[in-house]
Amino acid sequence: MDDVKIKEVEEQVGLPRANIRYYEREGVFTPERNENNNYREYTQADVECLKKIKVLRMMDVSTVDIKAIALNEIA
């Protein structure tokens, strides 16, 4: 899969743009930026990460704990 824009990520993951941006601001994941236009370009790894975040949130795992998991601070 090529890099995609946030609209496609919203559709693939089932999370609204506001939630995706929130997880980015919180440092849970960091999408690449296009050098030409500074737009975020999401990879398949980003999409998979967001899917995992969605499942963890459905299980009431806190964003702090999710970030720790993403940073390999919690196994």
PDB file of N, CA and C in Angstrom:
ATOM      1  N   MET A   1       0.847  -1.190   0.000  1.00  0.00           N
ATOM      2  CA  MET A   1       0.000   0.000   0.000  1.00  0.00           C
ATOM      3  C   MET A   1       0.882   1.239   0.000  1.00  0.00           C
ATOM      4  N   ASP A   2       0.536   2.185  -0.841  1.00  0.00           N
ATOM      5  CA  ASP A   2       1.247   3.458  -0.863  1.00  0.00           C
ATOM      6  C   ASP A   2       0.784   4.301   0.307  1.00  0.00           C
ATOM      7  N   ASP A   3       1.519   5.376   0.553  1.00  0.00           N
ATOM      8  CA  ASP A   3       1.106   6.302   1.604  1.00  0.00           C
ATOM      9  C   ASP A   3      -0.269   6.866   1.259  1.00  0.00           C
ATOM     10  N   VAL A   4      -1.067   7.068   2.306  1.00  0.00           N
ATOM     11  CA  VAL A   4      -2.423   7.567   2.097  1.00  0.00           C
ATOM     12  C   VAL A   4      -2.671   8.811   2.945  1.00  0.00           C
ATOM     13  N   LYS A   5      -3.700   9.530   2.585  1.00  0.00           N
ATOM     14  CA  LYS A   5      -4.100  10.725   3.317  1.00  0.00           C
ATOM     15  C   LYS A   5      -5.068  10.336   4.428  1.00  0.00           C
ATOM     16  N   ILE A   6      -5.326  11.282   5.294  1.00  0.00           N
ATOM     17  CA  ILE A   6      -6.122  11.004   6.494  1.00  0.00           C
ATOM     18  C   ILE A   6      -7.545  10.534   6.173  1.00  0.00           C
ATOM     19  N   LYS A   7      -8.133  11.019   5.106  1.00  0.00           N
ATOM     20  CA  LYS A   7      -9.497  10.604   4.737  1.00  0.00           C
ATOM     21  C   LYS A   7      -9.554   9.093   4.525  1.00  0.00           C
ATOM     22  N   GLU A   8      -8.555   8.560   3.842  1.00  0.00           N
ATOM     23  CA  GLU A   8      -8.508   7.120   3.599  1.00  0.00           C
ATOM     24  C   GLU A   8      -8.262   6.356   4.896  1.00  0.00           C
ATOM     25  N   VAL A   9      -7.446   6.926   5.768  1.00  0.00           N
ATOM     26  CA  VAL A   9      -7.169   6.287   7.054  1.00  0.00           C
ATOM     27  C   VAL A   9      -8.450   6.226   7.882  1.00  0.00           C
ATOM     28  N   GLU A  10      -9.204   7.324   7.889  1.00  0.00           N
ATOM     29  CA  GLU A  10     -10.489   7.349   8.611  1.00  0.00           C
ATOM     30  C   GLU A  10     -11.376   6.195   8.149  1.00  0.00           C
ATOM     31  N   GLU A  11     -11.446   6.000   6.834  1.00  0.00           N
ATOM     32  CA  GLU A  11     -12.299   4.957   6.270  1.00  0.00           C
ATOM     33  C   GLU A  11     -11.787   3.562   6.615  1.00  0.00           C
ATOM     34  N   GLN A  12     -10.471   3.364   6.561  1.00  0.00           N
ATOM     35  CA  GLN A  12      -9.895   2.045   6.818  1.00  0.00           C
ATOM     36  C   GLN A  12      -9.959   1.649   8.288  1.00  0.00           C
ATOM     37  N   VAL A  13      -9.773   2.631   9.174  1.00  0.00           N
ATOM     38  CA  VAL A  13      -9.663   2.335  10.598  1.00  0.00           C
ATOM     39  C   VAL A  13     -11.002   2.493  11.318  1.00  0.00           C
ATOM     40  N   GLY A  14     -11.825   3.396  10.833  1.00  0.00           N
ATOM     41  CA  GLY A  14     -13.097   3.645  11.501  1.00  0.00           C
ATOM     42  C   GLY A  14     -12.958   4.595  12.674  1.00  0.00           C
ATOM     43  N   LEU A  15     -11.946   5.451  12.622  1.00  0.00           N
ATOM     44  CA  LEU A  15     -11.766   6.492  13.644  1.00  0.00           C
ATOM     45  C   LEU A  15     -11.903   7.852  12.982  1.00  0.00           C
ATOM     46  N   PRO A  16     -12.520   8.804  13.672  1.00  0.00           N
ATOM     47  CA  PRO A  16     -12.618  10.147  13.104  1.00  0.00           C
ATOM     48  C   PRO A  16     -11.257  10.851  13.102  1.00  0.00           C
ATOM     49  N   ARG A  17     -11.135  11.792  12.210  1.00  0.00           N
ATOM     50  CA  ARG A  17      -9.916  12.581  12.053  1.00  0.00           C
ATOM     51  C   ARG A  17      -9.453  13.180  13.383  1.00  0.00           C
ATOM     52  N   ALA A  18     -10.386  13.669  14.183  1.00  0.00           N
ATOM     53  CA  ALA A  18     -10.034  14.291  15.464  1.00  0.00           C
ATOM     54  C   ALA A  18      -9.314  13.296  16.371  1.00  0.00           C
ATOM     55  N   ASN A  19      -9.763  12.055  16.396  1.00  0.00           N
ATOM     56  CA  ASN A  19      -9.107  11.035  17.221  1.00  0.00           C
ATOM     57  C   ASN A  19      -7.715  10.719  16.689  1.00  0.00           C
ATOM     58  N   ILE A  20      -7.589  10.601  15.381  1.00  0.00           N
ATOM     59  CA  ILE A  20      -6.291  10.315  14.768  1.00  0.00           C
ATOM     60  C   ILE A  20      -5.306  11.419  15.103  1.00  0.00           C
ATOM     61  N   ARG A  21      -5.732  12.660  14.963  1.00  0.00           N
ATOM     62  CA  ARG A  21      -4.864  13.804  15.286  1.00  0.00           C
ATOM     63  C   ARG A  21      -4.515  13.816  16.788  1.00  0.00           C
ATOM     64  N   TYR A  22      -5.475  13.461  17.631  1.00  0.00           N
ATOM     65  CA  TYR A  22      -5.229  13.405  19.079  1.00  0.00           C
ATOM     66  C   TYR A  22      -4.114  12.397  19.385  1.00  0.00           C
ATOM     67  N   TYR A  23      -4.210  11.203  18.829  1.00  0.00           N
ATOM     68  CA  TYR A  23      -3.182  10.192  19.090  1.00  0.00           C
ATOM     69  C   TYR A  23      -1.822  10.641  18.577  1.00  0.00           C
ATOM     70  N   GLU A  24      -1.811  11.383  17.502  1.00  0.00           N
ATOM     71  CA  GLU A  24      -0.552  11.944  16.998  1.00  0.00           C
ATOM     72  C   GLU A  24      -0.002  12.991  17.974  1.00  0.00           C
ATOM     73  N   ARG A  25      -0.858  13.909  18.428  1.00  0.00           N
ATOM     74  CA  ARG A  25      -0.423  14.942  19.386  1.00  0.00           C
ATOM     75  C   ARG A  25       0.113  14.331  20.671  1.00  0.00           C
ATOM     76  N   GLU A  26      -0.496  13.220  21.092  1.00  0.00           N
ATOM     77  CA  GLU A  26      -0.083  12.545  22.318  1.00  0.00           C
ATOM     78  C   GLU A  26       1.184  11.723  22.136  1.00  0.00           C
ATOM     79  N   GLY A  27       1.667  11.638  20.902  1.00  0.00           N
ATOM     80  CA  GLY A  27       2.907  10.917  20.643  1.00  0.00           C
ATOM     81  C   GLY A  27       2.761   9.413  20.566  1.00  0.00           C
ATOM     82  N   VAL A  28       1.535   8.937  20.371  1.00  0.00           N
ATOM     83  CA  VAL A  28       1.301   7.497  20.280  1.00  0.00           C
ATOM     84  C   VAL A  28       1.854   6.957  18.958  1.00  0.00           C
ATOM     85  N   PHE A  29       1.782   7.762  17.912  1.00  0.00           N
ATOM     86  CA  PHE A  29       2.394   7.413  16.629  1.00  0.00           C
ATOM     87  C   PHE A  29       2.718   8.708  15.891  1.00  0.00           C
ATOM     88  N   THR A  30       3.598   8.617  14.907  1.00  0.00           N
ATOM     89  CA  THR A  30       4.036   9.815  14.177  1.00  0.00           C
ATOM     90  C   THR A  30       4.080   9.518  12.684  1.00  0.00           C
ATOM     91  N   PRO A  31       3.079   9.980  11.948  1.00  0.00           N
ATOM     92  CA  PRO A  31       3.105   9.761  10.501  1.00  0.00           C
ATOM     93  C   PRO A  31       4.193  10.610   9.835  1.00  0.00           C
ATOM     94  N   GLU A  32       4.648  10.140   8.695  1.00  0.00           N
ATOM     95  CA  GLU A  32       5.639  10.875   7.918  1.00  0.00           C
ATOM     96  C   GLU A  32       5.009  12.130   7.322  1.00  0.00           C
ATOM     97  N   ARG A  33       5.852  13.090   7.007  1.00  0.00           N
ATOM     98  CA  ARG A  33       5.406  14.314   6.335  1.00  0.00           C
ATOM     99  C   ARG A  33       5.988  14.340   4.925  1.00  0.00           C
ATOM    100  N   ASN A  34       5.170  14.730   3.959  1.00  0.00           N
ATOM    101  CA  ASN A  34       5.631  14.898   2.590  1.00  0.00           C
ATOM    102  C   ASN A  34       6.512  16.142   2.537  1.00  0.00           C
ATOM    103  N   GLU A  35       7.726  16.008   2.049  1.00  0.00           N
ATOM    104  CA  GLU A  35       8.662  17.133   2.013  1.00  0.00           C
ATOM    105  C   GLU A  35       8.180  18.258   1.105  1.00  0.00           C
ATOM    106  N   ASN A  36       7.397  17.938   0.076  1.00  0.00           N
ATOM    107  CA  ASN A  36       6.952  18.945  -0.885  1.00  0.00           C
ATOM    108  C   ASN A  36       5.817  19.820  -0.372  1.00  0.00           C
ATOM    109  N   ASN A  37       4.891  19.217   0.391  1.00  0.00           N
ATOM    110  CA  ASN A  37       3.713  19.984   0.806  1.00  0.00           C
ATOM    111  C   ASN A  37       3.459  19.933   2.308  1.00  0.00           C
ATOM    112  N   ASN A  38       4.279  19.199   3.038  1.00  0.00           N
ATOM    113  CA  ASN A  38       4.181  19.060   4.491  1.00  0.00           C
ATOM    114  C   ASN A  38       2.907  18.334   4.952  1.00  0.00           C
ATOM    115  N   TYR A  39       2.196  17.690   4.027  1.00  0.00           N
ATOM    116  CA  TYR A  39       1.026  16.901   4.399  1.00  0.00           C
ATOM    117  C   TYR A  39       1.483  15.629   5.082  1.00  0.00           C
ATOM    118  N   ARG A  40       0.668  15.127   5.991  1.00  0.00           N
ATOM    119  CA  ARG A  40       0.940  13.830   6.604  1.00  0.00           C
ATOM    120  C   ARG A  40       0.638  12.755   5.567  1.00  0.00           C
ATOM    121  N   GLU A  41       1.493  11.747   5.538  1.00  0.00           N
ATOM    122  CA  GLU A  41       1.262  10.605   4.660  1.00  0.00           C
ATOM    123  C   GLU A  41       1.348   9.353   5.518  1.00  0.00           C
ATOM    124  N   TYR A  42       0.228   8.682   5.646  1.00  0.00           N
ATOM    125  CA  TYR A  42       0.115   7.531   6.521  1.00  0.00           C
ATOM    126  C   TYR A  42       0.510   6.258   5.780  1.00  0.00           C
ATOM    127  N   THR A  43       1.288   5.429   6.442  1.00  0.00           N
ATOM    128  CA  THR A  43       1.722   4.154   5.877  1.00  0.00           C
ATOM    129  C   THR A  43       0.793   3.046   6.352  1.00  0.00           C
ATOM    130  N   GLN A  44       0.999   1.862   5.806  1.00  0.00           N
ATOM    131  CA  GLN A  44       0.227   0.712   6.273  1.00  0.00           C
ATOM    132  C   GLN A  44       0.520   0.449   7.741  1.00  0.00           C
ATOM    133  N   ALA A  45       1.762   0.684   8.166  1.00  0.00           N
ATOM    134  CA  ALA A  45       2.122   0.508   9.582  1.00  0.00           C
ATOM    135  C   ALA A  45       1.336   1.475  10.464  1.00  0.00           C
ATOM    136  N   ASP A  46       1.139   2.708   9.997  1.00  0.00           N
ATOM    137  CA  ASP A  46       0.345   3.681  10.747  1.00  0.00           C
ATOM    138  C   ASP A  46      -1.102   3.211  10.869  1.00  0.00           C
ATOM    139  N   VAL A  47      -1.643   2.693   9.777  1.00  0.00           N
ATOM    140  CA  VAL A  47      -3.021   2.192   9.780  1.00  0.00           C
ATOM    141  C   VAL A  47      -3.150   1.037  10.769  1.00  0.00           C
ATOM    142  N   GLU A  48      -2.189   0.114  10.750  1.00  0.00           N
ATOM    143  CA  GLU A  48      -2.226  -1.021  11.677  1.00  0.00           C
ATOM    144  C   GLU A  48      -2.106  -0.546  13.123  1.00  0.00           C
ATOM    145  N   CYS A  49      -1.252   0.436  13.362  1.00  0.00           N
ATOM    146  CA  CYS A  49      -1.095   1.003  14.702  1.00  0.00           C
ATOM    147  C   CYS A  49      -2.416   1.597  15.188  1.00  0.00           C
ATOM    148  N   LEU A  50      -3.080   2.351  14.333  1.00  0.00           N
ATOM    149  CA  LEU A  50      -4.352   2.959  14.706  1.00  0.00           C
ATOM    150  C   LEU A  50      -5.434   1.907  14.963  1.00  0.00           C
ATOM    151  N   LYS A  51      -5.404   0.823  14.210  1.00  0.00           N
ATOM    152  CA  LYS A  51      -6.358  -0.268  14.461  1.00  0.00           C
ATOM    153  C   LYS A  51      -6.129  -0.861  15.847  1.00  0.00           C
ATOM    154  N   LYS A  52      -4.864  -1.037  16.215  1.00  0.00           N
ATOM    155  CA  LYS A  52      -4.540  -1.566  17.546  1.00  0.00           C
ATOM    156  C   LYS A  52      -4.974  -0.589  18.634  1.00  0.00           C
ATOM    157  N   ILE A  53      -4.726   0.703  18.396  1.00  0.00           N
ATOM    158  CA  ILE A  53      -5.143   1.729  19.356  1.00  0.00           C
ATOM    159  C   ILE A  53      -6.651   1.663  19.556  1.00  0.00           C
ATOM    160  N   LYS A  54      -7.383   1.528  18.469  1.00  0.00           N
ATOM    161  CA  LYS A  54      -8.843   1.472  18.545  1.00  0.00           C
ATOM    162  C   LYS A  54      -9.292   0.295  19.415  1.00  0.00           C
ATOM    163  N   VAL A  55      -8.692  -0.867  19.208  1.00  0.00           N
ATOM    164  CA  VAL A  55      -9.055  -2.050  19.998  1.00  0.00           C
ATOM    165  C   VAL A  55      -8.708  -1.838  21.467  1.00  0.00           C
ATOM    166  N   LEU A  56      -7.508  -1.306  21.727  1.00  0.00           N
ATOM    167  CA  LEU A  56      -7.102  -1.068  23.109  1.00  0.00           C
ATOM    168  C   LEU A  56      -8.028  -0.076  23.807  1.00  0.00           C
ATOM    169  N   ARG A  57      -8.430   0.969  23.098  1.00  0.00           N
ATOM    170  CA  ARG A  57      -9.355   1.941  23.702  1.00  0.00           C
ATOM    171  C   ARG A  57     -10.712   1.299  23.982  1.00  0.00           C
ATOM    172  N   MET A  58     -11.151   0.392  23.112  1.00  0.00           N
ATOM    173  CA  MET A  58     -12.414  -0.313  23.340  1.00  0.00           C
ATOM    174  C   MET A  58     -12.316  -1.184  24.588  1.00  0.00           C
ATOM    175  N   MET A  59     -11.086  -1.559  24.958  1.00  0.00           N
ATOM    176  CA  MET A  59     -10.858  -2.363  26.163  1.00  0.00           C
ATOM    177  C   MET A  59     -10.547  -1.467  27.364  1.00  0.00           C
ATOM    178  N   ASP A  60     -10.768  -0.158  27.215  1.00  0.00           N
ATOM    179  CA  ASP A  60     -10.548   0.843  28.256  1.00  0.00           C
ATOM    180  C   ASP A  60      -9.093   0.991  28.691  1.00  0.00           C
ATOM    181  N   VAL A  61      -8.157   0.686  27.790  1.00  0.00           N
ATOM    182  CA  VAL A  61      -6.749   0.946  28.070  1.00  0.00           C
ATOM    183  C   VAL A  61      -6.532   2.450  27.876  1.00  0.00           C
ATOM    184  N   SER A  62      -5.850   3.079  28.831  1.00  0.00           N
ATOM    185  CA  SER A  62      -5.649   4.529  28.764  1.00  0.00           C
ATOM    186  C   SER A  62      -4.689   4.905  27.643  1.00  0.00           C
ATOM    187  N   THR A  63      -4.809   6.129  27.182  1.00  0.00           N
ATOM    188  CA  THR A  63      -3.906   6.639  26.160  1.00  0.00           C
ATOM    189  C   THR A  63      -2.468   6.630  26.660  1.00  0.00           C
ATOM    190  N   VAL A  64      -2.259   6.919  27.935  1.00  0.00           N
ATOM    191  CA  VAL A  64      -0.917   6.886  28.523  1.00  0.00           C
ATOM    192  C   VAL A  64      -0.327   5.486  28.401  1.00  0.00           C
ATOM    193  N   ASP A  65      -1.125   4.466  28.730  1.00  0.00           N
ATOM    194  CA  ASP A  65      -0.645   3.090  28.626  1.00  0.00           C
ATOM    195  C   ASP A  65      -0.429   2.683  27.166  1.00  0.00           C
ATOM    196  N   ILE A  66      -1.299   3.132  26.288  1.00  0.00           N
ATOM    197  CA  ILE A  66      -1.144   2.823  24.864  1.00  0.00           C
ATOM    198  C   ILE A  66       0.160   3.417  24.343  1.00  0.00           C
ATOM    199  N   LYS A  67       0.451   4.634  24.743  1.00  0.00           N
ATOM    200  CA  LYS A  67       1.702   5.273  24.331  1.00  0.00           C
ATOM    201  C   LYS A  67       2.900   4.482  24.854  1.00  0.00           C
ATOM    202  N   ALA A  68       2.838   4.043  26.093  1.00  0.00           N
ATOM    203  CA  ALA A  68       3.919   3.249  26.669  1.00  0.00           C
ATOM    204  C   ALA A  68       4.100   1.943  25.901  1.00  0.00           C
ATOM    205  N   ILE A  69       2.999   1.323  25.525  1.00  0.00           N
ATOM    206  CA  ILE A  69       3.066   0.096  24.728  1.00  0.00           C
ATOM    207  C   ILE A  69       3.706   0.390  23.370  1.00  0.00           C
ATOM    208  N   ALA A  70       3.268   1.479  22.727  1.00  0.00           N
ATOM    209  CA  ALA A  70       3.794   1.851  21.413  1.00  0.00           C
ATOM    210  C   ALA A  70       5.295   2.142  21.458  1.00  0.00           C
ATOM    211  N   LEU A  71       5.753   2.678  22.575  1.00  0.00           N
ATOM    212  CA  LEU A  71       7.166   3.004  22.736  1.00  0.00           C
ATOM    213  C   LEU A  71       7.967   1.846  23.327  1.00  0.00           C
ATOM    214  N   ASN A  72       7.313   0.686  23.406  1.00  0.00           N
ATOM    215  CA  ASN A  72       7.939  -0.536  23.952  1.00  0.00           C
ATOM    216  C   ASN A  72       8.374  -0.371  25.403  1.00  0.00           C
ATOM    217  N   GLU A  73       7.672   0.462  26.148  1.00  0.00           N
ATOM    218  CA  GLU A  73       7.963   0.632  27.575  1.00  0.00           C
ATOM    219  C   GLU A  73       7.177  -0.376  28.409  1.00  0.00           C
ATOM    220  N   ILE A  74       6.121  -0.946  27.799  1.00  0.00           N
ATOM    221  CA  ILE A  74       5.327  -1.992  28.446  1.00  0.00           C
ATOM    222  C   ILE A  74       5.241  -3.135  27.447  1.00  0.00           C
ATOM    223  N   ALA A  75       5.502  -4.320  27.896  1.00  0.00           N
ATOM    224  CA  ALA A  75       5.438  -5.483  26.990  1.00  0.00           C
ATOM    225  C   ALA A  75       4.039  -6.059  26.960  1.00  0.00           C
TER     226      ALA A  75
END
